[in-house]
PDB file of all heavy atoms in Angstrom:
ATOM      1  N   PHE A   1       0.829  -1.202   0.000  1.00  0.00           N
ATOM      2  CA  PHE A   1       0.000   0.000   0.000  1.00  0.00           C
ATOM      3  C   PHE A   1       0.863   1.252   0.000  1.00  0.00           C
ATOM      4  O   PHE A   1       0.590   2.209  -0.743  1.00  0.00           O
ATOM      5  CB  PHE A   1      -0.924   0.005   1.219  1.00  0.00           C
ATOM      6  CG  PHE A   1      -1.807   1.222   1.291  1.00  0.00           C
ATOM      7  CD1 PHE A   1      -2.984   1.288   0.569  1.00  0.00           C
ATOM      8  CD2 PHE A   1      -1.447   2.313   2.076  1.00  0.00           C
ATOM      9  CE1 PHE A   1      -3.786   2.422   0.611  1.00  0.00           C
ATOM     10  CE2 PHE A   1      -2.248   3.449   2.133  1.00  0.00           C
ATOM     11  CZ  PHE A   1      -3.418   3.496   1.396  1.00  0.00           C
ATOM     12  N   GLN A   2       1.898   1.261   0.806  1.00  0.00           N
ATOM     13  CA  GLN A   2       2.766   2.430   0.871  1.00  0.00           C
ATOM     14  C   GLN A   2       3.443   2.683  -0.481  1.00  0.00           C
ATOM     15  O   GLN A   2       3.565   3.833  -0.917  1.00  0.00           O
ATOM     16  CB  GLN A   2       3.806   2.247   1.977  1.00  0.00           C
ATOM     17  CG  GLN A   2       3.192   2.232   3.370  1.00  0.00           C
ATOM     18  CD  GLN A   2       4.215   2.085   4.472  1.00  0.00           C
ATOM     19  OE1 GLN A   2       5.321   1.600   4.254  1.00  0.00           O
ATOM     20  NE2 GLN A   2       3.853   2.484   5.679  1.00  0.00           N
ATOM     21  N   GLN A   3       3.866   1.612  -1.159  1.00  0.00           N
ATOM     22  CA  GLN A   3       4.474   1.774  -2.474  1.00  0.00           C
ATOM     23  C   GLN A   3       3.453   2.254  -3.495  1.00  0.00           C
ATOM     24  O   GLN A   3       3.764   3.079  -4.369  1.00  0.00           O
ATOM     25  CB  GLN A   3       5.090   0.455  -2.928  1.00  0.00           C
ATOM     26  CG  GLN A   3       5.825   0.532  -4.247  1.00  0.00           C
ATOM     27  CD  GLN A   3       7.026   1.462  -4.212  1.00  0.00           C
ATOM     28  OE1 GLN A   3       7.715   1.543  -3.188  1.00  0.00           O
ATOM     29  NE2 GLN A   3       7.271   2.182  -5.303  1.00  0.00           N
ATOM     30  N   MET A   4       2.233   1.751  -3.397  1.00  0.00           N
ATOM     31  CA  MET A   4       1.178   2.171  -4.313  1.00  0.00           C
ATOM     32  C   MET A   4       0.921   3.675  -4.203  1.00  0.00           C
ATOM     33  O   MET A   4       0.767   4.378  -5.214  1.00  0.00           O
ATOM     34  CB  MET A   4      -0.111   1.399  -4.018  1.00  0.00           C
ATOM     35  CG  MET A   4      -1.272   1.735  -4.930  1.00  0.00           C
ATOM     36  SD  MET A   4      -2.845   1.264  -4.197  1.00  0.00           S
ATOM     37  CE  MET A   4      -3.019   2.520  -2.915  1.00  0.00           C
ATOM     38  N   ILE A   5       0.871   4.179  -2.987  1.00  0.00           N
ATOM     39  CA  ILE A   5       0.668   5.614  -2.775  1.00  0.00           C
ATOM     40  C   ILE A   5       1.828   6.407  -3.379  1.00  0.00           C
ATOM     41  O   ILE A   5       1.620   7.439  -4.038  1.00  0.00           O
ATOM     42  CB  ILE A   5       0.519   5.921  -1.274  1.00  0.00           C
ATOM     43  CG1 ILE A   5      -0.769   5.300  -0.711  1.00  0.00           C
ATOM     44  CG2 ILE A   5       0.538   7.427  -1.019  1.00  0.00           C
ATOM     45  CD1 ILE A   5      -2.043   5.843  -1.307  1.00  0.00           C
ATOM     46  N   LEU A   6       3.049   5.920  -3.186  1.00  0.00           N
ATOM     47  CA  LEU A   6       4.215   6.606  -3.747  1.00  0.00           C
ATOM     48  C   LEU A   6       4.152   6.651  -5.278  1.00  0.00           C
ATOM     49  O   LEU A   6       4.468   7.673  -5.888  1.00  0.00           O
ATOM     50  CB  LEU A   6       5.496   5.918  -3.292  1.00  0.00           C
ATOM     51  CG  LEU A   6       5.874   6.079  -1.823  1.00  0.00           C
ATOM     52  CD1 LEU A   6       7.110   5.246  -1.497  1.00  0.00           C
ATOM     53  CD2 LEU A   6       6.114   7.542  -1.470  1.00  0.00           C
ATOM     54  N   VAL A   7       3.740   5.548  -5.900  1.00  0.00           N
ATOM     55  CA  VAL A   7       3.628   5.517  -7.361  1.00  0.00           C
ATOM     56  C   VAL A   7       2.562   6.508  -7.829  1.00  0.00           C
ATOM     57  O   VAL A   7       2.763   7.260  -8.789  1.00  0.00           O
ATOM     58  CB  VAL A   7       3.294   4.092  -7.845  1.00  0.00           C
ATOM     59  CG1 VAL A   7       2.962   4.094  -9.340  1.00  0.00           C
ATOM     60  CG2 VAL A   7       4.459   3.149  -7.569  1.00  0.00           C
ATOM     61  N   ALA A   8       1.424   6.535  -7.134  1.00  0.00           N
ATOM     62  CA  ALA A   8       0.353   7.461  -7.513  1.00  0.00           C
ATOM     63  C   ALA A   8       0.775   8.914  -7.340  1.00  0.00           C
ATOM     64  O   ALA A   8       0.410   9.777  -8.147  1.00  0.00           O
ATOM     65  CB  ALA A   8      -0.898   7.174  -6.682  1.00  0.00           C
ATOM     66  N   GLN A   9       1.569   9.186  -6.303  1.00  0.00           N
ATOM     67  CA  GLN A   9       2.005  10.552  -6.038  1.00  0.00           C
ATOM     68  C   GLN A   9       3.183  10.980  -6.919  1.00  0.00           C
ATOM     69  O   GLN A   9       3.470  12.167  -7.034  1.00  0.00           O
ATOM     70  CB  GLN A   9       2.399  10.701  -4.556  1.00  0.00           C
ATOM     71  CG  GLN A   9       1.233  10.599  -3.595  1.00  0.00           C
ATOM     72  CD  GLN A   9       1.675  10.604  -2.146  1.00  0.00           C
ATOM     73  OE1 GLN A   9       2.796  10.180  -1.830  1.00  0.00           O
ATOM     74  NE2 GLN A   9       0.817  11.075  -1.249  1.00  0.00           N
ATOM     75  N   SER A  10       3.850  10.016  -7.536  1.00  0.00           N
ATOM     76  CA  SER A  10       5.063  10.309  -8.304  1.00  0.00           C
ATOM     77  C   SER A  10       4.781  11.000  -9.630  1.00  0.00           C
ATOM     78  O   SER A  10       5.697  11.540 -10.260  1.00  0.00           O
ATOM     79  CB  SER A  10       5.819   9.003  -8.575  1.00  0.00           C
ATOM     80  OG  SER A  10       5.122   8.209  -9.530  1.00  0.00           O
ATOM     81  N   GLY A  11       3.534  10.942 -10.086  1.00  0.00           N
ATOM     82  CA  GLY A  11       3.195  11.473 -11.395  1.00  0.00           C
ATOM     83  C   GLY A  11       3.255  10.437 -12.495  1.00  0.00           C
ATOM     84  O   GLY A  11       3.000  10.750 -13.662  1.00  0.00           O
ATOM     85  N   ALA A  12       3.571   9.187 -12.148  1.00  0.00           N
ATOM     86  CA  ALA A  12       3.690   8.138 -13.157  1.00  0.00           C
ATOM     87  C   ALA A  12       2.394   7.936 -13.928  1.00  0.00           C
ATOM     88  O   ALA A  12       2.412   7.649 -15.128  1.00  0.00           O
ATOM     89  CB  ALA A  12       4.120   6.833 -12.497  1.00  0.00           C
ATOM     90  N   ILE A  13       1.247   8.073 -13.244  1.00  0.00           N
ATOM     91  CA  ILE A  13      -0.043   7.929 -13.925  1.00  0.00           C
ATOM     92  C   ILE A  13      -0.674   9.298 -14.195  1.00  0.00           C
ATOM     93  O   ILE A  13      -1.855   9.393 -14.526  1.00  0.00           O
ATOM     94  CB  ILE A  13      -1.012   7.042 -13.125  1.00  0.00           C
ATOM     95  CG1 ILE A  13      -1.348   7.663 -11.754  1.00  0.00           C
ATOM     96  CG2 ILE A  13      -0.472   5.629 -12.969  1.00  0.00           C
ATOM     97  CD1 ILE A  13      -2.507   6.992 -11.035  1.00  0.00           C
ATOM     98  N   GLY A  14       0.126  10.347 -14.058  1.00  0.00           N
ATOM     99  CA  GLY A  14      -0.376  11.697 -14.275  1.00  0.00           C
ATOM    100  C   GLY A  14      -1.125  12.226 -13.072  1.00  0.00           C
ATOM    101  O   GLY A  14      -0.936  11.767 -11.942  1.00  0.00           O
ATOM    102  N   GLU A  15      -2.000  13.181 -13.307  1.00  0.00           N
ATOM    103  CA  GLU A  15      -2.811  13.763 -12.240  1.00  0.00           C
ATOM    104  C   GLU A  15      -3.963  12.817 -11.908  1.00  0.00           C
ATOM    105  O   GLU A  15      -4.667  12.349 -12.800  1.00  0.00           O
ATOM    106  CB  GLU A  15      -3.371  15.115 -12.672  1.00  0.00           C
ATOM    107  CG  GLU A  15      -4.202  15.810 -11.609  1.00  0.00           C
ATOM    108  CD  GLU A  15      -4.784  17.127 -12.090  1.00  0.00           C
ATOM    109  OE1 GLU A  15      -4.441  17.555 -13.209  1.00  0.00           O
ATOM    110  OE2 GLU A  15      -5.599  17.719 -11.345  1.00  0.00           O
ATOM    111  N   VAL A  16      -4.135  12.519 -10.621  1.00  0.00           N
ATOM    112  CA  VAL A  16      -5.220  11.630 -10.203  1.00  0.00           C
ATOM    113  C   VAL A  16      -6.551  12.364 -10.339  1.00  0.00           C
ATOM    114  O   VAL A  16      -6.744  13.449  -9.775  1.00  0.00           O
ATOM    115  CB  VAL A  16      -5.015  11.153  -8.751  1.00  0.00           C
ATOM    116  CG1 VAL A  16      -6.217  10.326  -8.292  1.00  0.00           C
ATOM    117  CG2 VAL A  16      -3.739  10.326  -8.639  1.00  0.00           C
ATOM    118  N   VAL A  17      -7.465  11.773 -11.101  1.00  0.00           N
ATOM    119  CA  VAL A  17      -8.754  12.397 -11.379  1.00  0.00           C
ATOM    120  C   VAL A  17      -9.903  11.647 -10.711  1.00  0.00           C
ATOM    121  O   VAL A  17     -10.875  12.250 -10.264  1.00  0.00           O
ATOM    122  CB  VAL A  17      -9.001  12.471 -12.903  1.00  0.00           C
ATOM    123  CG1 VAL A  17     -10.392  13.038 -13.199  1.00  0.00           C
ATOM    124  CG2 VAL A  17      -7.927  13.305 -13.584  1.00  0.00           C
ATOM    125  N   ASP A  18      -9.785  10.328 -10.616  1.00  0.00           N
ATOM    126  CA  ASP A  18     -10.892   9.523 -10.089  1.00  0.00           C
ATOM    127  C   ASP A  18     -10.333   8.352  -9.295  1.00  0.00           C
ATOM    128  O   ASP A  18      -9.356   7.711  -9.713  1.00  0.00           O
ATOM    129  CB  ASP A  18     -11.758   9.009 -11.242  1.00  0.00           C
ATOM    130  CG  ASP A  18     -12.868   8.085 -10.752  1.00  0.00           C
ATOM    131  OD1 ASP A  18     -13.914   8.597 -10.325  1.00  0.00           O
ATOM    132  OD2 ASP A  18     -12.683   6.849 -10.797  1.00  0.00           O
ATOM    133  N   ILE A  19     -10.951   8.075  -8.156  1.00  0.00           N
ATOM    134  CA  ILE A  19     -10.608   6.890  -7.361  1.00  0.00           C
ATOM    135  C   ILE A  19     -11.898   6.134  -7.085  1.00  0.00           C
ATOM    136  O   ILE A  19     -12.891   6.718  -6.642  1.00  0.00           O
ATOM    137  CB  ILE A  19      -9.930   7.265  -6.028  1.00  0.00           C
ATOM    138  CG1 ILE A  19      -8.637   8.044  -6.278  1.00  0.00           C
ATOM    139  CG2 ILE A  19      -9.614   6.007  -5.207  1.00  0.00           C
ATOM    140  CD1 ILE A  19      -7.980   8.558  -5.006  1.00  0.00           C
ATOM    141  N   SER A  20     -11.876   4.837  -7.347  1.00  0.00           N
ATOM    142  CA  SER A  20     -13.042   3.991  -7.094  1.00  0.00           C
ATOM    143  C   SER A  20     -12.607   2.815  -6.240  1.00  0.00           C
ATOM    144  O   SER A  20     -11.678   2.082  -6.601  1.00  0.00           O
ATOM    145  CB  SER A  20     -13.627   3.494  -8.416  1.00  0.00           C
ATOM    146  OG  SER A  20     -14.705   2.606  -8.189  1.00  0.00           O
ATOM    147  N   ALA A  21     -13.286   2.619  -5.106  1.00  0.00           N
ATOM    148  CA  ALA A  21     -12.897   1.564  -4.162  1.00  0.00           C
ATOM    149  C   ALA A  21     -14.141   0.888  -3.611  1.00  0.00           C
ATOM    150  O   ALA A  21     -15.176   1.527  -3.404  1.00  0.00           O
ATOM    151  CB  ALA A  21     -12.072   2.147  -3.022  1.00  0.00           C
ATOM    152  N   THR A  22     -14.023  -0.414  -3.347  1.00  0.00           N
ATOM    153  CA  THR A  22     -15.133  -1.183  -2.786  1.00  0.00           C
ATOM    154  C   THR A  22     -14.632  -2.072  -1.661  1.00  0.00           C
ATOM    155  O   THR A  22     -13.606  -2.754  -1.810  1.00  0.00           O
ATOM    156  CB  THR A  22     -15.796  -2.059  -3.865  1.00  0.00           C
ATOM    157  OG1 THR A  22     -16.317  -1.218  -4.897  1.00  0.00           O
ATOM    158  CG2 THR A  22     -16.930  -2.894  -3.276  1.00  0.00           C
ATOM    159  N   VAL A  23     -15.356  -2.044  -0.530  1.00  0.00           N
ATOM    160  CA  VAL A  23     -15.073  -2.931   0.606  1.00  0.00           C
ATOM    161  C   VAL A  23     -16.408  -3.472   1.104  1.00  0.00           C
ATOM    162  O   VAL A  23     -17.221  -2.726   1.667  1.00  0.00           O
ATOM    163  CB  VAL A  23     -14.360  -2.196   1.759  1.00  0.00           C
ATOM    164  CG1 VAL A  23     -14.059  -3.173   2.898  1.00  0.00           C
ATOM    165  CG2 VAL A  23     -13.079  -1.537   1.272  1.00  0.00           C
ATOM    166  N   THR A  24     -16.661  -4.752   0.868  1.00  0.00           N
ATOM    167  CA  THR A  24     -17.927  -5.338   1.320  1.00  0.00           C
ATOM    168  C   THR A  24     -17.683  -6.678   1.997  1.00  0.00           C
ATOM    169  O   THR A  24     -16.763  -7.416   1.648  1.00  0.00           O
ATOM    170  CB  THR A  24     -18.903  -5.557   0.142  1.00  0.00           C
ATOM    171  OG1 THR A  24     -18.300  -6.409  -0.825  1.00  0.00           O
ATOM    172  CG2 THR A  24     -19.290  -4.235  -0.497  1.00  0.00           C
ATOM    173  N   ASN A  25     -18.514  -6.972   2.991  1.00  0.00           N
ATOM    174  CA  ASN A  25     -18.551  -8.264   3.666  1.00  0.00           C
ATOM    175  C   ASN A  25     -20.006  -8.704   3.741  1.00  0.00           C
ATOM    176  O   ASN A  25     -20.914  -7.868   3.752  1.00  0.00           O
ATOM    177  CB  ASN A  25     -17.999  -8.185   5.091  1.00  0.00           C
ATOM    178  CG  ASN A  25     -16.717  -7.379   5.194  1.00  0.00           C
ATOM    179  OD1 ASN A  25     -16.730  -6.273   5.703  1.00  0.00           O
ATOM    180  ND2 ASN A  25     -15.630  -7.939   4.713  1.00  0.00           N
ATOM    181  N   LEU A  26     -20.238  -9.994   3.830  1.00  0.00           N
ATOM    182  CA  LEU A  26     -21.584 -10.509   4.074  1.00  0.00           C
ATOM    183  C   LEU A  26     -21.652 -11.057   5.483  1.00  0.00           C
ATOM    184  O   LEU A  26     -21.032 -12.074   5.802  1.00  0.00           O
ATOM    185  CB  LEU A  26     -21.925 -11.611   3.062  1.00  0.00           C
ATOM    186  CG  LEU A  26     -22.198 -11.165   1.626  1.00  0.00           C
ATOM    187  CD1 LEU A  26     -22.555 -12.367   0.762  1.00  0.00           C
ATOM    188  CD2 LEU A  26     -23.324 -10.136   1.578  1.00  0.00           C
ATOM    189  N   LEU A  27     -22.384 -10.352   6.339  1.00  0.00           N
ATOM    190  CA  LEU A  27     -22.609 -10.815   7.701  1.00  0.00           C
ATOM    191  C   LEU A  27     -23.935 -11.568   7.772  1.00  0.00           C
ATOM    192  O   LEU A  27     -24.854 -11.298   6.989  1.00  0.00           O
ATOM    193  CB  LEU A  27     -22.640  -9.626   8.667  1.00  0.00           C
ATOM    194  CG  LEU A  27     -21.364  -8.776   8.753  1.00  0.00           C
ATOM    195  CD1 LEU A  27     -21.565  -7.648   9.771  1.00  0.00           C
ATOM    196  CD2 LEU A  27     -20.161  -9.623   9.125  1.00  0.00           C
ATOM    197  N   PRO A  28     -24.061 -12.511   8.694  1.00  0.00           N
ATOM    198  CA  PRO A  28     -25.338 -13.232   8.842  1.00  0.00           C
ATOM    199  C   PRO A  28     -26.494 -12.273   9.103  1.00  0.00           C
ATOM    200  O   PRO A  28     -26.317 -11.200   9.701  1.00  0.00           O
ATOM    201  CB  PRO A  28     -25.086 -14.143  10.048  1.00  0.00           C
ATOM    202  CG  PRO A  28     -23.601 -14.315  10.096  1.00  0.00           C
ATOM    203  CD  PRO A  28     -23.021 -13.018   9.616  1.00  0.00           C
ATOM    204  N   ASP A  29     -27.683 -12.624   8.653  1.00  0.00           N
ATOM    205  CA  ASP A  29     -28.857 -11.765   8.799  1.00  0.00           C
ATOM    206  C   ASP A  29     -29.167 -11.439  10.259  1.00  0.00           C
ATOM    207  O   ASP A  29     -29.725 -10.379  10.558  1.00  0.00           O
ATOM    208  CB  ASP A  29     -30.081 -12.417   8.157  1.00  0.00           C
ATOM    209  CG  ASP A  29     -29.970 -12.491   6.640  1.00  0.00           C
ATOM    210  OD1 ASP A  29     -29.194 -11.699   6.073  1.00  0.00           O
ATOM    211  OD2 ASP A  29     -30.657 -13.346   6.040  1.00  0.00           O
ATOM    212  N   ASP A  30     -28.831 -12.350  11.162  1.00  0.00           N
ATOM    213  CA  ASP A  30     -29.154 -12.139  12.569  1.00  0.00           C
ATOM    214  C   ASP A  30     -28.028 -11.443  13.334  1.00  0.00           C
ATOM    215  O   ASP A  30     -28.046 -11.392  14.563  1.00  0.00           O
ATOM    216  CB  ASP A  30     -29.486 -13.468  13.254  1.00  0.00           C
ATOM    217  CG  ASP A  30     -28.331 -14.475  13.196  1.00  0.00           C
ATOM    218  OD1 ASP A  30     -27.322 -14.185  12.514  1.00  0.00           O
ATOM    219  OD2 ASP A  30     -28.448 -15.552  13.824  1.00  0.00           O
ATOM    220  N   THR A  31     -27.048 -10.876  12.612  1.00  0.00           N
ATOM    221  CA  THR A  31     -25.959 -10.149  13.267  1.00  0.00           C
ATOM    222  C   THR A  31     -26.508  -8.966  14.052  1.00  0.00           C
ATOM    223  O   THR A  31     -27.387  -8.231  13.580  1.00  0.00           O
ATOM    224  CB  THR A  31     -24.935  -9.638  12.236  1.00  0.00           C
ATOM    225  OG1 THR A  31     -24.384 -10.752  11.537  1.00  0.00           O
ATOM    226  CG2 THR A  31     -23.815  -8.871  12.909  1.00  0.00           C
ATOM    227  N   ASP A  32     -26.001  -8.785  15.240  1.00  0.00           N
ATOM    228  CA  ASP A  32     -26.406  -7.666  16.092  1.00  0.00           C
ATOM    229  C   ASP A  32     -26.218  -6.334  15.354  1.00  0.00           C
ATOM    230  O   ASP A  32     -25.200  -6.116  14.685  1.00  0.00           O
ATOM    231  CB  ASP A  32     -25.572  -7.678  17.377  1.00  0.00           C
ATOM    232  CG  ASP A  32     -25.827  -6.476  18.253  1.00  0.00           C
ATOM    233  OD1 ASP A  32     -26.872  -6.453  18.931  1.00  0.00           O
ATOM    234  OD2 ASP A  32     -24.993  -5.551  18.244  1.00  0.00           O
ATOM    235  N   THR A  33     -27.214  -5.440  15.481  1.00  0.00           N
ATOM    236  CA  THR A  33     -27.167  -4.159  14.775  1.00  0.00           C
ATOM    237  C   THR A  33     -25.929  -3.352  15.130  1.00  0.00           C
ATOM    238  O   THR A  33     -25.274  -2.777  14.254  1.00  0.00           O
ATOM    239  CB  THR A  33     -28.430  -3.333  15.082  1.00  0.00           C
ATOM    240  OG1 THR A  33     -29.575  -4.032  14.585  1.00  0.00           O
ATOM    241  CG2 THR A  33     -28.357  -1.955  14.422  1.00  0.00           C
ATOM    242  N   GLY A  34     -25.588  -3.317  16.409  1.00  0.00           N
ATOM    243  CA  GLY A  34     -24.419  -2.554  16.839  1.00  0.00           C
ATOM    244  C   GLY A  34     -23.139  -3.064  16.208  1.00  0.00           C
ATOM    245  O   GLY A  34     -22.306  -2.281  15.733  1.00  0.00           O
ATOM    246  N   PHE A  35     -22.979  -4.390  16.177  1.00  0.00           N
ATOM    247  CA  PHE A  35     -21.774  -4.973  15.587  1.00  0.00           C
ATOM    248  C   PHE A  35     -21.736  -4.718  14.086  1.00  0.00           C
ATOM    249  O   PHE A  35     -20.680  -4.400  13.528  1.00  0.00           O
ATOM    250  CB  PHE A  35     -21.718  -6.476  15.861  1.00  0.00           C
ATOM    251  CG  PHE A  35     -20.525  -7.164  15.260  1.00  0.00           C
ATOM    252  CD1 PHE A  35     -19.297  -7.132  15.890  1.00  0.00           C
ATOM    253  CD2 PHE A  35     -20.628  -7.816  14.027  1.00  0.00           C
ATOM    254  CE1 PHE A  35     -18.178  -7.743  15.328  1.00  0.00           C
ATOM    255  CE2 PHE A  35     -19.525  -8.427  13.457  1.00  0.00           C
ATOM    256  CZ  PHE A  35     -18.297  -8.393  14.110  1.00  0.00           C
ATOM    257  N   ALA A  36     -22.885  -4.863  13.409  1.00  0.00           N
ATOM    258  CA  ALA A  36     -22.931  -4.639  11.962  1.00  0.00           C
ATOM    259  C   ALA A  36     -22.558  -3.205  11.614  1.00  0.00           C
ATOM    260  O   ALA A  36     -21.784  -2.956  10.676  1.00  0.00           O
ATOM    261  CB  ALA A  36     -24.324  -4.976  11.434  1.00  0.00           C
ATOM    262  N   ASN A  37     -23.075  -2.240  12.359  1.00  0.00           N
ATOM    263  CA  ASN A  37     -22.763  -0.842  12.088  1.00  0.00           C
ATOM    264  C   ASN A  37     -21.309  -0.513  12.418  1.00  0.00           C
ATOM    265  O   ASN A  37     -20.686   0.331  11.771  1.00  0.00           O
ATOM    266  CB  ASN A  37     -23.708   0.068  12.859  1.00  0.00           C
ATOM    267  CG  ASN A  37     -25.125   0.038  12.293  1.00  0.00           C
ATOM    268  OD1 ASN A  37     -25.345  -0.425  11.176  1.00  0.00           O
ATOM    269  ND2 ASN A  37     -26.085   0.516  13.059  1.00  0.00           N
ATOM    270  N   GLU A  38     -20.766  -1.197  13.433  1.00  0.00           N
ATOM    271  CA  GLU A  38     -19.349  -1.021  13.758  1.00  0.00           C
ATOM    272  C   GLU A  38     -18.483  -1.526  12.616  1.00  0.00           C
ATOM    273  O   GLU A  38     -17.486  -0.897  12.245  1.00  0.00           O
ATOM    274  CB  GLU A  38     -19.023  -1.763  15.054  1.00  0.00           C
ATOM    275  CG  GLU A  38     -17.604  -1.559  15.546  1.00  0.00           C
ATOM    276  CD  GLU A  38     -17.362  -2.190  16.907  1.00  0.00           C
ATOM    277  OE1 GLU A  38     -18.241  -2.032  17.794  1.00  0.00           O
ATOM    278  OE2 GLU A  38     -16.308  -2.833  17.083  1.00  0.00           O
ATOM    279  N   ARG A  39     -18.858  -2.653  12.023  1.00  0.00           N
ATOM    280  CA  ARG A  39     -18.118  -3.169  10.877  1.00  0.00           C
ATOM    281  C   ARG A  39     -18.223  -2.220   9.678  1.00  0.00           C
ATOM    282  O   ARG A  39     -17.257  -2.041   8.924  1.00  0.00           O
ATOM    283  CB  ARG A  39     -18.633  -4.560  10.509  1.00  0.00           C
ATOM    284  CG  ARG A  39     -17.966  -5.186   9.290  1.00  0.00           C
ATOM    285  CD  ARG A  39     -16.469  -5.376   9.478  1.00  0.00           C
ATOM    286  NE  ARG A  39     -16.180  -6.311  10.519  1.00  0.00           N
ATOM    287  CZ  ARG A  39     -16.099  -7.636  10.355  1.00  0.00           C
ATOM    288  NH1 ARG A  39     -16.312  -8.162   9.158  1.00  0.00           N
ATOM    289  NH2 ARG A  39     -15.811  -8.418  11.370  1.00  0.00           N
ATOM    290  N   MET A  40     -19.398  -1.614   9.495  1.00  0.00           N
ATOM    291  CA  MET A  40     -19.542  -0.624   8.431  1.00  0.00           C
ATOM    292  C   MET A  40     -18.584   0.544   8.648  1.00  0.00           C
ATOM    293  O   MET A  40     -17.933   1.020   7.704  1.00  0.00           O
ATOM    294  CB  MET A  40     -20.980  -0.117   8.378  1.00  0.00           C
ATOM    295  CG  MET A  40     -21.953  -1.053   7.697  1.00  0.00           C
ATOM    296  SD  MET A  40     -21.709  -1.177   5.897  1.00  0.00           S
ATOM    297  CE  MET A  40     -22.199   0.458   5.363  1.00  0.00           C
ATOM    298  N   MET A  41     -18.477   1.014   9.880  1.00  0.00           N
ATOM    299  CA  MET A  41     -17.556   2.104  10.191  1.00  0.00           C
ATOM    300  C   MET A  41     -16.121   1.728   9.836  1.00  0.00           C
ATOM    301  O   MET A  41     -15.372   2.521   9.272  1.00  0.00           O
ATOM    302  CB  MET A  41     -17.652   2.468  11.667  1.00  0.00           C
ATOM    303  CG  MET A  41     -18.918   3.199  12.072  1.00  0.00           C
ATOM    304  SD  MET A  41     -18.977   3.460  13.864  1.00  0.00           S
ATOM    305  CE  MET A  41     -17.534   4.490  14.119  1.00  0.00           C
ATOM    306  N   GLU A  42     -15.757   0.501  10.182  1.00  0.00           N
ATOM    307  CA  GLU A  42     -14.405   0.034   9.860  1.00  0.00           C
ATOM    308  C   GLU A  42     -14.199  -0.005   8.343  1.00  0.00           C
ATOM    309  O   GLU A  42     -13.163   0.438   7.830  1.00  0.00           O
ATOM    310  CB  GLU A  42     -14.174  -1.346  10.459  1.00  0.00           C
ATOM    311  CG  GLU A  42     -12.784  -1.903  10.174  1.00  0.00           C
ATOM    312  CD  GLU A  42     -12.573  -3.273  10.760  1.00  0.00           C
ATOM    313  OE1 GLU A  42     -13.445  -3.754  11.510  1.00  0.00           O
ATOM    314  OE2 GLU A  42     -11.520  -3.881  10.476  1.00  0.00           O
ATOM    315  N   ASN A  43     -15.181  -0.523   7.618  1.00  0.00           N
ATOM    316  CA  ASN A  43     -15.058  -0.613   6.162  1.00  0.00           C
ATOM    317  C   ASN A  43     -14.922   0.760   5.512  1.00  0.00           C
ATOM    318  O   ASN A  43     -14.229   0.919   4.503  1.00  0.00           O
ATOM    319  CB  ASN A  43     -16.258  -1.352   5.576  1.00  0.00           C
ATOM    320  CG  ASN A  43     -16.229  -2.844   5.856  1.00  0.00           C
ATOM    321  OD1 ASN A  43     -15.242  -3.375   6.369  1.00  0.00           O
ATOM    322  ND2 ASN A  43     -17.308  -3.539   5.529  1.00  0.00           N
ATOM    323  N   PHE A  44     -15.599   1.765   6.067  1.00  0.00           N
ATOM    324  CA  PHE A  44     -15.480   3.126   5.556  1.00  0.00           C
ATOM    325  C   PHE A  44     -14.032   3.619   5.613  1.00  0.00           C
ATOM    326  O   PHE A  44     -13.593   4.410   4.771  1.00  0.00           O
ATOM    327  CB  PHE A  44     -16.341   4.092   6.382  1.00  0.00           C
ATOM    328  CG  PHE A  44     -17.723   4.304   5.848  1.00  0.00           C
ATOM    329  CD1 PHE A  44     -18.824   3.808   6.530  1.00  0.00           C
ATOM    330  CD2 PHE A  44     -17.935   5.013   4.685  1.00  0.00           C
ATOM    331  CE1 PHE A  44     -20.113   4.001   6.050  1.00  0.00           C
ATOM    332  CE2 PHE A  44     -19.219   5.226   4.194  1.00  0.00           C
ATOM    333  CZ  PHE A  44     -20.314   4.720   4.883  1.00  0.00           C
ATOM    334  N   SER A  45     -13.287   3.169   6.608  1.00  0.00           N
ATOM    335  CA  SER A  45     -11.945   3.703   6.849  1.00  0.00           C
ATOM    336  C   SER A  45     -11.008   3.445   5.686  1.00  0.00           C
ATOM    337  O   SER A  45     -10.132   4.274   5.389  1.00  0.00           O
ATOM    338  CB  SER A  45     -11.354   3.077   8.121  1.00  0.00           C
ATOM    339  OG  SER A  45     -12.177   3.298   9.238  1.00  0.00           O
ATOM    340  N   TYR A  46     -11.157   2.309   5.010  1.00  0.00           N
ATOM    341  CA  TYR A  46     -10.187   1.921   3.988  1.00  0.00           C
ATOM    342  C   TYR A  46     -10.241   2.816   2.749  1.00  0.00           C
ATOM    343  O   TYR A  46      -9.198   3.353   2.326  1.00  0.00           O
ATOM    344  CB  TYR A  46     -10.373   0.450   3.628  1.00  0.00           C
ATOM    345  CG  TYR A  46     -10.119  -0.475   4.789  1.00  0.00           C
ATOM    346  CD1 TYR A  46     -11.178  -1.125   5.431  1.00  0.00           C
ATOM    347  CD2 TYR A  46      -8.831  -0.682   5.273  1.00  0.00           C
ATOM    348  CE1 TYR A  46     -10.947  -1.957   6.518  1.00  0.00           C
ATOM    349  CE2 TYR A  46      -8.595  -1.519   6.354  1.00  0.00           C
ATOM    350  CZ  TYR A  46      -9.666  -2.158   6.973  1.00  0.00           C
ATOM    351  OH  TYR A  46      -9.435  -2.978   8.054  1.00  0.00           O
TER     352      TYR A  46
END
C-alpha cells in the first residue's frame, strides 16, 4: 500500500482524477445491529 501511494504521487499515472474503491462483507442476517454498524464504520476507513 505504501508503495502504491508513492507511485500514484510520483506522477507516473499523471494527475489523479478519479478513485473507485469497494469494501464489502456478508454478515449473517441475525448479526447484532451494533456490531454490523461497527463493521460498516471500519469498512469506511479503507
